[in-house]
Amino acid sequence: MGDIMELRKIVVLATAALGLFSLSAAVYYHAARLPAPIAIDTRGHPSIGEGAIEIVIFEDFRCTGCRIFSEEIFPQISTLYIETGLARFTIIPLAFLDGSRPLANAALGVFDLAPDRFHPFVRELFRTHATNRREILSAAQKVGGIDLYYLARCIDAHLYDEVLDGNLNWARQLLGHQFGTPTLFVGGIPTSTASFEAVAGRIAQIEKRR
């Protein structure tokens, strides 16, 4: 009886070891198969963090998928990668959906005036589903530290339309037939925005390849 129990224990341990080996091999295989990264120049765009891994997202502030990413996935990225100094996160604002120009003009105005308020302001826009001038200004007031008079001017005079047109042309050239939002790059490699696990897995692959 003792021999049988010992044999079963050996089989269990061997199976677990094989599972761990297979998982490690899969990670290594996928890391080896990573495509060549795309160079994305984030200079002059809203960024937070100082880490070596670049996380870049193209967003339209009327995009439902972008809102879900902001509310459900970004907080985990922030906690585990940005605040720990592992990653740098950049938003490239786009405005091609109906009604998104006022939101994007306001966001870029905040970035110019108070860069440290940009990301909290964007998250508040998504959280409140802001769609008009009054709701945008209300979001800014709640965040605090933002000049509401200048923000109203950004919205009314479309002050950043030229910047937004440049961002849109750049995104369309970069993404080609895959253009859309949200589009995420981790270390220059296209990455799914469907879950935090997809982002974490990509970062693990990049770190494995280093």
N, C-alpha and C. Protein backbone atom coordinates (compact mmCIF):
# COMPACT_ATOMS: atom_id res chain seq x y z
N MET A 1 0.84 -1.22 0.00
CA MET A 1 0.00 0.00 0.00
C MET A 1 0.87 1.25 0.00
N GLY A 2 1.93 1.19 0.79
CA GLY A 2 2.82 2.33 0.85
C GLY A 2 3.50 2.60 -0.47
N ASP A 3 3.86 1.50 -1.17
CA ASP A 3 4.50 1.66 -2.49
C ASP A 3 3.56 2.32 -3.48
N ILE A 4 2.27 1.95 -3.41
CA ILE A 4 1.28 2.53 -4.32
C ILE A 4 1.11 4.01 -4.07
N MET A 5 1.02 4.40 -2.80
CA MET A 5 0.88 5.81 -2.44
C MET A 5 2.10 6.60 -2.89
N GLU A 6 3.27 6.02 -2.73
CA GLU A 6 4.50 6.70 -3.14
C GLU A 6 4.54 6.89 -4.65
N LEU A 7 4.06 5.86 -5.37
CA LEU A 7 4.03 5.93 -6.83
C LEU A 7 3.08 7.02 -7.29
N ARG A 8 1.91 7.11 -6.63
CA ARG A 8 0.93 8.15 -6.97
C ARG A 8 1.52 9.54 -6.73
N LYS A 9 2.25 9.69 -5.63
CA LYS A 9 2.86 10.99 -5.32
C LYS A 9 3.86 11.37 -6.40
N ILE A 10 4.64 10.40 -6.85
CA ILE A 10 5.62 10.67 -7.90
C ILE A 10 4.93 11.09 -9.19
N VAL A 11 3.82 10.42 -9.52
CA VAL A 11 3.07 10.75 -10.74
C VAL A 11 2.51 12.17 -10.65
N VAL A 12 1.96 12.54 -9.49
CA VAL A 12 1.41 13.88 -9.31
C VAL A 12 2.49 14.94 -9.46
N LEU A 13 3.62 14.72 -8.80
CA LEU A 13 4.72 15.68 -8.87
C LEU A 13 5.26 15.79 -10.29
N ALA A 14 5.34 14.68 -10.99
CA ALA A 14 5.84 14.69 -12.37
C ALA A 14 4.89 15.45 -13.28
N THR A 15 3.58 15.25 -13.06
CA THR A 15 2.58 15.95 -13.86
C THR A 15 2.65 17.45 -13.63
N ALA A 16 2.79 17.87 -12.35
CA ALA A 16 2.89 19.30 -12.03
C ALA A 16 4.14 19.90 -12.66
N ALA A 17 5.24 19.16 -12.60
CA ALA A 17 6.50 19.66 -13.17
C ALA A 17 6.37 19.81 -14.68
N LEU A 18 5.70 18.85 -15.32
CA LEU A 18 5.49 18.92 -16.76
C LEU A 18 4.64 20.12 -17.13
N GLY A 19 3.61 20.40 -16.29
CA GLY A 19 2.74 21.56 -16.54
C GLY A 19 3.51 22.86 -16.45
N LEU A 20 4.37 22.97 -15.42
CA LEU A 20 5.18 24.18 -15.27
C LEU A 20 6.16 24.34 -16.43
N PHE A 21 6.74 23.23 -16.87
CA PHE A 21 7.66 23.28 -18.00
C PHE A 21 6.94 23.74 -19.26
N SER A 22 5.73 23.21 -19.47
CA SER A 22 4.96 23.58 -20.67
C SER A 22 4.61 25.05 -20.66
N LEU A 23 4.22 25.57 -19.46
CA LEU A 23 3.89 26.98 -19.34
C LEU A 23 5.10 27.85 -19.64
N SER A 24 6.25 27.48 -19.07
CA SER A 24 7.48 28.25 -19.31
C SER A 24 7.86 28.21 -20.77
N ALA A 25 7.70 27.05 -21.39
CA ALA A 25 8.04 26.91 -22.80
C ALA A 25 7.11 27.78 -23.65
N ALA A 26 5.83 27.84 -23.28
CA ALA A 26 4.86 28.65 -24.04
C ALA A 26 5.21 30.12 -23.95
N VAL A 27 5.58 30.58 -22.74
CA VAL A 27 5.96 31.98 -22.57
C VAL A 27 7.20 32.29 -23.40
N TYR A 28 8.18 31.39 -23.36
CA TYR A 28 9.40 31.61 -24.13
C TYR A 28 9.10 31.62 -25.62
N TYR A 29 8.24 30.69 -26.06
CA TYR A 29 7.91 30.59 -27.48
C TYR A 29 7.25 31.85 -27.98
N HIS A 30 6.27 32.36 -27.22
CA HIS A 30 5.56 33.57 -27.63
C HIS A 30 6.47 34.79 -27.56
N ALA A 31 7.36 34.81 -26.57
CA ALA A 31 8.29 35.93 -26.47
C ALA A 31 9.21 35.95 -27.69
N ALA A 32 9.65 34.73 -28.10
CA ALA A 32 10.54 34.66 -29.25
C ALA A 32 9.83 35.08 -30.53
N ARG A 33 8.52 34.92 -30.57
CA ARG A 33 7.74 35.22 -31.76
C ARG A 33 7.19 36.65 -31.77
N LEU A 34 7.56 37.47 -30.82
CA LEU A 34 7.07 38.84 -30.79
C LEU A 34 7.47 39.57 -32.06
N PRO A 35 6.54 40.33 -32.63
CA PRO A 35 6.89 41.09 -33.84
C PRO A 35 7.83 42.23 -33.50
N ALA A 36 8.46 42.76 -34.54
CA ALA A 36 9.35 43.91 -34.34
C ALA A 36 8.51 45.09 -33.85
N PRO A 37 8.98 45.81 -32.83
CA PRO A 37 8.21 46.94 -32.30
C PRO A 37 8.14 48.09 -33.30
N ILE A 38 7.04 48.83 -33.22
CA ILE A 38 6.84 50.02 -34.04
C ILE A 38 7.31 51.24 -33.25
N ALA A 39 8.09 52.09 -33.88
CA ALA A 39 8.57 53.30 -33.21
C ALA A 39 7.44 54.32 -33.14
N ILE A 40 7.09 54.75 -31.94
CA ILE A 40 6.04 55.74 -31.73
C ILE A 40 6.63 56.90 -30.94
N ASP A 41 6.67 58.04 -31.56
CA ASP A 41 7.25 59.23 -30.92
C ASP A 41 6.21 59.87 -30.02
N THR A 42 6.40 59.76 -28.71
CA THR A 42 5.41 60.27 -27.75
C THR A 42 5.77 61.65 -27.21
N ARG A 43 6.83 62.24 -27.73
CA ARG A 43 7.22 63.57 -27.25
C ARG A 43 6.11 64.59 -27.50
N GLY A 44 5.81 65.37 -26.46
CA GLY A 44 4.78 66.39 -26.58
C GLY A 44 3.37 65.89 -26.33
N HIS A 45 3.22 64.60 -26.05
CA HIS A 45 1.89 64.04 -25.78
C HIS A 45 1.75 63.76 -24.27
N PRO A 46 0.52 63.74 -23.78
CA PRO A 46 0.30 63.55 -22.34
C PRO A 46 0.81 62.21 -21.83
N SER A 47 1.79 62.24 -20.94
CA SER A 47 2.39 61.02 -20.42
C SER A 47 2.51 61.09 -18.91
N ILE A 48 2.49 59.92 -18.29
CA ILE A 48 2.80 59.81 -16.86
C ILE A 48 3.71 58.61 -16.67
N GLY A 49 4.55 58.67 -15.64
CA GLY A 49 5.47 57.58 -15.36
C GLY A 49 6.81 57.79 -16.03
N GLU A 50 7.81 57.10 -15.51
CA GLU A 50 9.18 57.25 -16.01
C GLU A 50 9.81 55.91 -16.35
N GLY A 51 8.99 54.86 -16.42
CA GLY A 51 9.54 53.52 -16.64
C GLY A 51 10.06 53.28 -18.04
N ALA A 52 10.80 52.19 -18.20
CA ALA A 52 11.42 51.87 -19.49
C ALA A 52 10.42 51.32 -20.50
N ILE A 53 9.35 50.71 -20.04
CA ILE A 53 8.36 50.13 -20.95
C ILE A 53 7.35 51.21 -21.35
N GLU A 54 7.25 51.44 -22.65
CA GLU A 54 6.32 52.45 -23.17
C GLU A 54 4.95 51.83 -23.43
N ILE A 55 3.92 52.38 -22.79
CA ILE A 55 2.55 51.97 -23.05
C ILE A 55 1.84 53.17 -23.68
N VAL A 56 1.35 52.99 -24.90
CA VAL A 56 0.74 54.09 -25.65
C VAL A 56 -0.65 53.68 -26.10
N ILE A 57 -1.63 54.55 -25.85
CA ILE A 57 -2.98 54.26 -26.28
C ILE A 57 -3.54 55.42 -27.11
N PHE A 58 -4.16 55.08 -28.22
CA PHE A 58 -4.89 56.03 -29.05
C PHE A 58 -6.35 55.97 -28.62
N GLU A 59 -6.89 57.12 -28.18
CA GLU A 59 -8.24 57.14 -27.62
C GLU A 59 -9.08 58.26 -28.22
N ASP A 60 -10.36 57.98 -28.37
CA ASP A 60 -11.37 59.00 -28.64
C ASP A 60 -12.25 59.05 -27.39
N PHE A 61 -12.48 60.23 -26.86
CA PHE A 61 -13.16 60.33 -25.57
C PHE A 61 -14.67 60.06 -25.64
N ARG A 62 -15.18 59.79 -26.84
CA ARG A 62 -16.56 59.32 -26.97
C ARG A 62 -16.60 57.82 -27.25
N CYS A 63 -15.46 57.17 -27.21
CA CYS A 63 -15.35 55.75 -27.52
C CYS A 63 -15.69 54.90 -26.29
N THR A 64 -16.68 54.01 -26.45
CA THR A 64 -17.10 53.16 -25.33
C THR A 64 -15.98 52.24 -24.87
N GLY A 65 -15.26 51.63 -25.82
CA GLY A 65 -14.15 50.76 -25.46
C GLY A 65 -13.05 51.49 -24.71
N CYS A 66 -12.84 52.77 -25.08
CA CYS A 66 -11.84 53.59 -24.38
C CYS A 66 -12.27 53.84 -22.94
N ARG A 67 -13.57 54.10 -22.76
CA ARG A 67 -14.08 54.33 -21.40
C ARG A 67 -13.91 53.08 -20.54
N ILE A 68 -14.22 51.92 -21.10
CA ILE A 68 -14.07 50.67 -20.35
C ILE A 68 -12.61 50.45 -19.98
N PHE A 69 -11.71 50.71 -20.93
CA PHE A 69 -10.28 50.56 -20.64
C PHE A 69 -9.87 51.51 -19.52
N SER A 70 -10.33 52.76 -19.58
CA SER A 70 -9.97 53.76 -18.57
C SER A 70 -10.46 53.38 -17.19
N GLU A 71 -11.66 52.81 -17.12
CA GLU A 71 -12.27 52.53 -15.83
C GLU A 71 -11.85 51.18 -15.25
N GLU A 72 -11.62 50.18 -16.11
CA GLU A 72 -11.42 48.83 -15.61
C GLU A 72 -9.98 48.33 -15.71
N ILE A 73 -9.25 48.80 -16.70
CA ILE A 73 -7.92 48.25 -16.94
C ILE A 73 -6.80 49.22 -16.53
N PHE A 74 -6.97 50.51 -16.87
CA PHE A 74 -5.93 51.47 -16.55
C PHE A 74 -5.57 51.51 -15.06
N PRO A 75 -6.53 51.47 -14.13
CA PRO A 75 -6.14 51.51 -12.71
C PRO A 75 -5.16 50.41 -12.32
N GLN A 76 -5.32 49.23 -12.90
CA GLN A 76 -4.40 48.13 -12.59
C GLN A 76 -3.03 48.37 -13.21
N ILE A 77 -3.02 48.91 -14.42
CA ILE A 77 -1.74 49.27 -15.06
C ILE A 77 -1.02 50.32 -14.21
N SER A 78 -1.79 51.30 -13.75
CA SER A 78 -1.21 52.37 -12.95
C SER A 78 -0.57 51.83 -11.68
N THR A 79 -1.30 50.97 -10.98
CA THR A 79 -0.82 50.44 -9.70
C THR A 79 0.42 49.56 -9.86
N LEU A 80 0.37 48.66 -10.84
CA LEU A 80 1.42 47.66 -10.95
C LEU A 80 2.62 48.08 -11.80
N TYR A 81 2.42 49.00 -12.71
CA TYR A 81 3.51 49.32 -13.64
C TYR A 81 3.94 50.79 -13.64
N ILE A 82 2.99 51.70 -13.52
CA ILE A 82 3.36 53.13 -13.57
C ILE A 82 3.88 53.59 -12.22
N GLU A 83 3.12 53.34 -11.18
CA GLU A 83 3.50 53.80 -9.85
C GLU A 83 4.74 53.09 -9.31
N THR A 84 5.05 51.93 -9.86
CA THR A 84 6.24 51.18 -9.42
C THR A 84 7.47 51.54 -10.26
N GLY A 85 7.31 52.43 -11.22
CA GLY A 85 8.44 52.88 -12.01
C GLY A 85 8.85 51.96 -13.14
N LEU A 86 7.96 51.03 -13.52
CA LEU A 86 8.30 50.08 -14.59
C LEU A 86 7.87 50.57 -15.97
N ALA A 87 6.84 51.44 -16.02
CA ALA A 87 6.29 51.81 -17.32
C ALA A 87 5.97 53.29 -17.40
N ARG A 88 5.90 53.76 -18.62
CA ARG A 88 5.47 55.13 -18.94
C ARG A 88 4.23 55.01 -19.80
N PHE A 89 3.18 55.75 -19.45
CA PHE A 89 1.88 55.63 -20.12
C PHE A 89 1.54 56.93 -20.84
N THR A 90 1.20 56.83 -22.12
CA THR A 90 0.91 58.01 -22.93
C THR A 90 -0.43 57.85 -23.63
N ILE A 91 -1.21 58.93 -23.60
CA ILE A 91 -2.48 58.98 -24.34
C ILE A 91 -2.30 59.86 -25.57
N ILE A 92 -2.71 59.34 -26.73
CA ILE A 92 -2.77 60.14 -27.95
C ILE A 92 -4.24 60.43 -28.20
N PRO A 93 -4.70 61.66 -27.92
CA PRO A 93 -6.13 61.98 -28.09
C PRO A 93 -6.50 62.09 -29.56
N LEU A 94 -7.59 61.42 -29.93
CA LEU A 94 -8.16 61.51 -31.27
C LEU A 94 -9.57 62.07 -31.15
N ALA A 95 -10.08 62.59 -32.27
CA ALA A 95 -11.45 63.13 -32.27
C ALA A 95 -12.06 62.89 -33.65
N PHE A 96 -12.62 61.69 -33.83
CA PHE A 96 -13.25 61.37 -35.11
C PHE A 96 -14.69 60.90 -34.94
N LEU A 97 -15.09 60.58 -33.71
CA LEU A 97 -16.47 60.18 -33.44
C LEU A 97 -17.34 61.42 -33.24
N ASP A 98 -18.63 61.29 -33.49
CA ASP A 98 -19.55 62.42 -33.34
C ASP A 98 -19.49 62.98 -31.92
N GLY A 99 -19.31 64.29 -31.83
CA GLY A 99 -19.34 64.96 -30.53
C GLY A 99 -18.07 64.89 -29.73
N SER A 100 -16.99 64.34 -30.31
CA SER A 100 -15.77 64.18 -29.52
C SER A 100 -14.84 65.39 -29.55
N ARG A 101 -15.05 66.31 -30.50
CA ARG A 101 -14.16 67.47 -30.61
C ARG A 101 -14.16 68.34 -29.34
N PRO A 102 -15.30 68.69 -28.78
CA PRO A 102 -15.27 69.50 -27.55
C PRO A 102 -14.51 68.82 -26.41
N LEU A 103 -14.68 67.52 -26.28
CA LEU A 103 -13.99 66.78 -25.22
C LEU A 103 -12.48 66.81 -25.44
N ALA A 104 -12.06 66.54 -26.67
CA ALA A 104 -10.62 66.49 -26.96
C ALA A 104 -9.98 67.87 -26.87
N ASN A 105 -10.69 68.92 -27.33
CA ASN A 105 -10.17 70.28 -27.20
C ASN A 105 -9.98 70.64 -25.73
N ALA A 106 -10.95 70.27 -24.91
CA ALA A 106 -10.85 70.55 -23.48
C ALA A 106 -9.68 69.80 -22.85
N ALA A 107 -9.54 68.53 -23.21
CA ALA A 107 -8.46 67.72 -22.63
C ALA A 107 -7.09 68.28 -22.99
N LEU A 108 -6.91 68.69 -24.24
CA LEU A 108 -5.62 69.25 -24.65
C LEU A 108 -5.38 70.62 -23.99
N GLY A 109 -6.46 71.35 -23.75
CA GLY A 109 -6.33 72.60 -23.02
C GLY A 109 -5.85 72.37 -21.60
N VAL A 110 -6.38 71.35 -20.96
CA VAL A 110 -5.94 70.99 -19.61
C VAL A 110 -4.47 70.57 -19.64
N PHE A 111 -4.09 69.81 -20.65
CA PHE A 111 -2.69 69.36 -20.75
C PHE A 111 -1.75 70.56 -20.88
N ASP A 112 -2.15 71.57 -21.64
CA ASP A 112 -1.30 72.76 -21.79
C ASP A 112 -1.19 73.56 -20.50
N LEU A 113 -2.33 73.71 -19.81
CA LEU A 113 -2.36 74.57 -18.63
C LEU A 113 -1.90 73.88 -17.35
N ALA A 114 -2.33 72.65 -17.18
CA ALA A 114 -2.05 71.91 -15.93
C ALA A 114 -1.83 70.44 -16.26
N PRO A 115 -0.65 70.10 -16.79
CA PRO A 115 -0.39 68.72 -17.25
C PRO A 115 -0.69 67.65 -16.21
N ASP A 116 -0.47 67.96 -14.94
CA ASP A 116 -0.71 66.97 -13.89
C ASP A 116 -2.19 66.68 -13.69
N ARG A 117 -3.06 67.54 -14.24
CA ARG A 117 -4.51 67.33 -14.10
C ARG A 117 -5.10 66.61 -15.32
N PHE A 118 -4.28 66.42 -16.36
CA PHE A 118 -4.80 65.84 -17.60
C PHE A 118 -5.40 64.46 -17.38
N HIS A 119 -4.64 63.54 -16.82
CA HIS A 119 -5.13 62.17 -16.67
C HIS A 119 -6.33 62.08 -15.71
N PRO A 120 -6.31 62.77 -14.57
CA PRO A 120 -7.52 62.77 -13.74
C PRO A 120 -8.73 63.36 -14.47
N PHE A 121 -8.50 64.40 -15.27
CA PHE A 121 -9.59 65.02 -16.02
C PHE A 121 -10.17 64.05 -17.06
N VAL A 122 -9.31 63.37 -17.78
CA VAL A 122 -9.77 62.41 -18.78
C VAL A 122 -10.57 61.29 -18.12
N ARG A 123 -10.08 60.78 -17.00
CA ARG A 123 -10.81 59.72 -16.30
C ARG A 123 -12.18 60.21 -15.82
N GLU A 124 -12.24 61.49 -15.43
CA GLU A 124 -13.52 62.04 -14.99
C GLU A 124 -14.47 62.21 -16.17
N LEU A 125 -13.94 62.59 -17.33
CA LEU A 125 -14.78 62.67 -18.53
C LEU A 125 -15.40 61.32 -18.84
N PHE A 126 -14.59 60.27 -18.78
CA PHE A 126 -15.10 58.93 -19.05
C PHE A 126 -16.10 58.52 -17.97
N ARG A 127 -15.75 58.77 -16.72
CA ARG A 127 -16.60 58.32 -15.60
C ARG A 127 -17.99 58.94 -15.66
N THR A 128 -18.06 60.22 -16.03
CA THR A 128 -19.33 60.93 -16.03
C THR A 128 -20.04 60.88 -17.38
N HIS A 129 -19.40 60.27 -18.39
CA HIS A 129 -19.98 60.22 -19.74
C HIS A 129 -20.27 61.63 -20.25
N ALA A 130 -19.39 62.57 -19.96
CA ALA A 130 -19.61 63.96 -20.37
C ALA A 130 -19.75 64.06 -21.89
N THR A 131 -20.72 64.87 -22.34
CA THR A 131 -20.95 65.01 -23.77
C THR A 131 -21.06 66.46 -24.23
N ASN A 132 -21.31 67.38 -23.31
CA ASN A 132 -21.52 68.77 -23.73
C ASN A 132 -20.68 69.72 -22.88
N ARG A 133 -20.73 71.00 -23.24
CA ARG A 133 -19.90 72.02 -22.60
C ARG A 133 -20.11 72.07 -21.09
N ARG A 134 -21.35 72.05 -20.67
CA ARG A 134 -21.65 72.15 -19.24
C ARG A 134 -21.08 70.95 -18.49
N GLU A 135 -21.24 69.76 -19.04
CA GLU A 135 -20.74 68.56 -18.37
C GLU A 135 -19.21 68.51 -18.36
N ILE A 136 -18.60 69.01 -19.42
CA ILE A 136 -17.13 69.06 -19.47
C ILE A 136 -16.59 69.99 -18.39
N LEU A 137 -17.20 71.18 -18.29
CA LEU A 137 -16.74 72.15 -17.28
C LEU A 137 -17.01 71.63 -15.87
N SER A 138 -18.11 70.91 -15.70
CA SER A 138 -18.42 70.33 -14.40
C SER A 138 -17.37 69.29 -14.01
N ALA A 139 -16.94 68.48 -14.99
CA ALA A 139 -15.90 67.48 -14.73
C ALA A 139 -14.60 68.17 -14.32
N ALA A 140 -14.26 69.26 -15.02
CA ALA A 140 -13.03 70.00 -14.70
C ALA A 140 -13.10 70.59 -13.30
N GLN A 141 -14.26 71.12 -12.94
CA GLN A 141 -14.43 71.72 -11.62
C GLN A 141 -14.26 70.66 -10.53
N LYS A 142 -14.77 69.47 -10.79
CA LYS A 142 -14.65 68.40 -9.80
C LYS A 142 -13.20 67.97 -9.63
N VAL A 143 -12.45 67.92 -10.72
CA VAL A 143 -11.03 67.54 -10.65
C VAL A 143 -10.24 68.61 -9.91
N GLY A 144 -10.57 69.88 -10.19
CA GLY A 144 -9.89 70.99 -9.52
C GLY A 144 -8.56 71.35 -10.17
N GLY A 145 -8.12 72.59 -9.91
CA GLY A 145 -6.83 73.03 -10.42
C GLY A 145 -6.82 73.33 -11.90
N ILE A 146 -8.00 73.58 -12.49
CA ILE A 146 -8.13 73.82 -13.93
C ILE A 146 -8.83 75.16 -14.14
N ASP A 147 -8.29 75.99 -15.03
CA ASP A 147 -8.88 77.29 -15.36
C ASP A 147 -10.12 77.08 -16.22
N LEU A 148 -11.29 77.25 -15.63
CA LEU A 148 -12.54 76.97 -16.32
C LEU A 148 -12.81 77.97 -17.45
N TYR A 149 -12.35 79.21 -17.30
CA TYR A 149 -12.55 80.20 -18.36
C TYR A 149 -11.76 79.83 -19.60
N TYR A 150 -10.52 79.43 -19.39
CA TYR A 150 -9.71 79.02 -20.54
C TYR A 150 -10.27 77.74 -21.16
N LEU A 151 -10.75 76.85 -20.32
CA LEU A 151 -11.31 75.60 -20.82
C LEU A 151 -12.53 75.85 -21.69
N ALA A 152 -13.37 76.78 -21.26
CA ALA A 152 -14.55 77.14 -22.06
C ALA A 152 -14.12 77.71 -23.41
N ARG A 153 -13.06 78.49 -23.42
CA ARG A 153 -12.55 79.06 -24.67
C ARG A 153 -12.02 77.97 -25.59
N CYS A 154 -11.34 76.97 -25.01
CA CYS A 154 -10.85 75.84 -25.80
C CYS A 154 -11.99 75.15 -26.53
N ILE A 155 -13.10 74.99 -25.82
CA ILE A 155 -14.26 74.31 -26.39
C ILE A 155 -14.93 75.18 -27.45
N ASP A 156 -15.18 76.44 -27.11
CA ASP A 156 -15.94 77.32 -28.00
C ASP A 156 -15.17 77.69 -29.27
N ALA A 157 -13.85 77.89 -29.13
CA ALA A 157 -13.05 78.35 -30.26
C ALA A 157 -12.32 77.20 -30.97
N HIS A 158 -12.53 75.97 -30.51
CA HIS A 158 -11.88 74.80 -31.13
C HIS A 158 -10.36 75.02 -31.22
N LEU A 159 -9.76 75.44 -30.12
CA LEU A 159 -8.36 75.87 -30.14
C LEU A 159 -7.38 74.79 -30.57
N TYR A 160 -7.72 73.54 -30.37
CA TYR A 160 -6.76 72.47 -30.64
C TYR A 160 -7.16 71.59 -31.82
N ASP A 161 -8.04 72.09 -32.67
CA ASP A 161 -8.47 71.30 -33.82
C ASP A 161 -7.30 70.91 -34.72
N GLU A 162 -6.35 71.81 -34.89
CA GLU A 162 -5.21 71.51 -35.76
C GLU A 162 -4.37 70.37 -35.19
N VAL A 163 -4.17 70.39 -33.88
CA VAL A 163 -3.43 69.30 -33.22
C VAL A 163 -4.18 67.98 -33.38
N LEU A 164 -5.49 68.03 -33.19
CA LEU A 164 -6.30 66.82 -33.30
C LEU A 164 -6.30 66.28 -34.73
N ASP A 165 -6.32 67.17 -35.72
CA ASP A 165 -6.23 66.73 -37.11
C ASP A 165 -4.89 66.03 -37.37
N GLY A 166 -3.83 66.59 -36.80
CA GLY A 166 -2.51 65.98 -36.95
C GLY A 166 -2.45 64.61 -36.30
N ASN A 167 -3.02 64.49 -35.09
CA ASN A 167 -3.05 63.19 -34.40
C ASN A 167 -3.82 62.15 -35.22
N LEU A 168 -4.95 62.59 -35.79
CA LEU A 168 -5.80 61.67 -36.55
C LEU A 168 -5.10 61.19 -37.81
N ASN A 169 -4.46 62.10 -38.54
CA ASN A 169 -3.74 61.71 -39.75
C ASN A 169 -2.60 60.75 -39.42
N TRP A 170 -1.88 61.04 -38.33
CA TRP A 170 -0.79 60.18 -37.89
C TRP A 170 -1.30 58.78 -37.55
N ALA A 171 -2.41 58.72 -36.78
CA ALA A 171 -2.97 57.43 -36.37
C ALA A 171 -3.42 56.62 -37.58
N ARG A 172 -4.04 57.27 -38.54
CA ARG A 172 -4.52 56.54 -39.73
C ARG A 172 -3.36 56.00 -40.55
N GLN A 173 -2.29 56.77 -40.65
CA GLN A 173 -1.11 56.29 -41.37
C GLN A 173 -0.44 55.14 -40.63
N LEU A 174 -0.37 55.26 -39.32
CA LEU A 174 0.30 54.25 -38.50
C LEU A 174 -0.48 52.94 -38.47
N LEU A 175 -1.80 53.04 -38.34
CA LEU A 175 -2.62 51.85 -38.11
C LEU A 175 -3.20 51.27 -39.40
N GLY A 176 -3.28 52.07 -40.45
CA GLY A 176 -3.80 51.57 -41.71
C GLY A 176 -5.22 51.05 -41.60
N HIS A 177 -5.46 49.86 -42.16
CA HIS A 177 -6.82 49.30 -42.16
C HIS A 177 -7.26 48.86 -40.77
N GLN A 178 -6.34 48.83 -39.80
CA GLN A 178 -6.70 48.46 -38.43
C GLN A 178 -7.01 49.69 -37.57
N PHE A 179 -7.17 50.84 -38.22
CA PHE A 179 -7.46 52.06 -37.47
C PHE A 179 -8.74 51.92 -36.66
N GLY A 180 -8.70 52.41 -35.44
CA GLY A 180 -9.85 52.41 -34.55
C GLY A 180 -9.39 52.71 -33.14
N THR A 181 -10.34 52.87 -32.24
CA THR A 181 -10.00 53.12 -30.84
C THR A 181 -10.81 52.19 -29.95
N PRO A 182 -10.23 51.79 -28.83
CA PRO A 182 -8.86 52.09 -28.39
C PRO A 182 -7.85 51.20 -29.11
N THR A 183 -6.70 51.76 -29.42
CA THR A 183 -5.59 50.98 -29.96
C THR A 183 -4.41 51.15 -29.01
N LEU A 184 -3.89 50.01 -28.56
CA LEU A 184 -2.86 50.02 -27.53
C LEU A 184 -1.56 49.41 -28.06
N PHE A 185 -0.44 50.07 -27.72
CA PHE A 185 0.89 49.54 -28.00
C PHE A 185 1.65 49.41 -26.68
N VAL A 186 2.24 48.26 -26.48
CA VAL A 186 3.10 48.05 -25.31
C VAL A 186 4.49 47.74 -25.84
N GLY A 187 5.44 48.61 -25.53
CA GLY A 187 6.78 48.43 -26.08
C GLY A 187 6.78 48.47 -27.59
N GLY A 188 5.85 49.24 -28.17
CA GLY A 188 5.77 49.36 -29.62
C GLY A 188 5.06 48.21 -30.30
N ILE A 189 4.51 47.27 -29.53
CA ILE A 189 3.85 46.09 -30.09
C ILE A 189 2.34 46.18 -29.86
N PRO A 190 1.52 46.04 -30.90
CA PRO A 190 0.06 46.08 -30.72
C PRO A 190 -0.38 45.06 -29.67
N THR A 191 -1.26 45.51 -28.77
CA THR A 191 -1.69 44.67 -27.64
C THR A 191 -3.18 44.82 -27.43
N SER A 192 -3.85 43.74 -27.12
CA SER A 192 -5.29 43.77 -26.90
C SER A 192 -5.66 44.64 -25.71
N THR A 193 -6.79 45.35 -25.83
CA THR A 193 -7.32 46.14 -24.72
C THR A 193 -8.48 45.42 -24.03
N ALA A 194 -8.66 44.15 -24.35
CA ALA A 194 -9.83 43.42 -23.84
C ALA A 194 -9.72 43.10 -22.35
N SER A 195 -8.49 43.01 -21.83
CA SER A 195 -8.33 42.64 -20.42
C SER A 195 -6.99 43.12 -19.91
N PHE A 196 -6.89 43.24 -18.58
CA PHE A 196 -5.60 43.57 -17.97
C PHE A 196 -4.61 42.43 -18.19
N GLU A 197 -5.10 41.20 -18.21
CA GLU A 197 -4.23 40.05 -18.39
C GLU A 197 -3.50 40.12 -19.72
N ALA A 198 -4.16 40.65 -20.75
CA ALA A 198 -3.51 40.78 -22.06
C ALA A 198 -2.34 41.75 -21.98
N VAL A 199 -2.53 42.84 -21.25
CA VAL A 199 -1.46 43.83 -21.09
C VAL A 199 -0.33 43.24 -20.25
N ALA A 200 -0.67 42.60 -19.14
CA ALA A 200 0.34 42.01 -18.26
C ALA A 200 1.12 40.92 -19.00
N GLY A 201 0.42 40.13 -19.81
CA GLY A 201 1.09 39.09 -20.57
C GLY A 201 2.07 39.67 -21.57
N ARG A 202 1.69 40.76 -22.22
CA ARG A 202 2.58 41.40 -23.19
C ARG A 202 3.84 41.94 -22.49
N ILE A 203 3.64 42.56 -21.34
CA ILE A 203 4.78 43.09 -20.60
C ILE A 203 5.71 41.95 -20.18
N ALA A 204 5.13 40.84 -19.76
CA ALA A 204 5.95 39.69 -19.37
C ALA A 204 6.74 39.17 -20.56
N GLN A 205 6.13 39.14 -21.74
CA GLN A 205 6.83 38.70 -22.94
C GLN A 205 8.00 39.62 -23.27
N ILE A 206 7.76 40.93 -23.17
CA ILE A 206 8.81 41.91 -23.48
C ILE A 206 9.96 41.76 -22.50
N GLU A 207 9.64 41.63 -21.23
CA GLU A 207 10.70 41.48 -20.22
C GLU A 207 11.47 40.17 -20.42
N LYS A 208 10.76 39.13 -20.86
CA LYS A 208 11.42 37.84 -21.11
C LYS A 208 12.42 37.96 -22.25
N ARG A 209 12.11 38.77 -23.24
CA ARG A 209 12.96 38.89 -24.41
C ARG A 209 14.21 39.73 -24.14
N ARG A 210 14.16 40.55 -23.10
CA ARG A 210 15.30 41.43 -22.81
C ARG A 210 16.51 40.65 -22.33
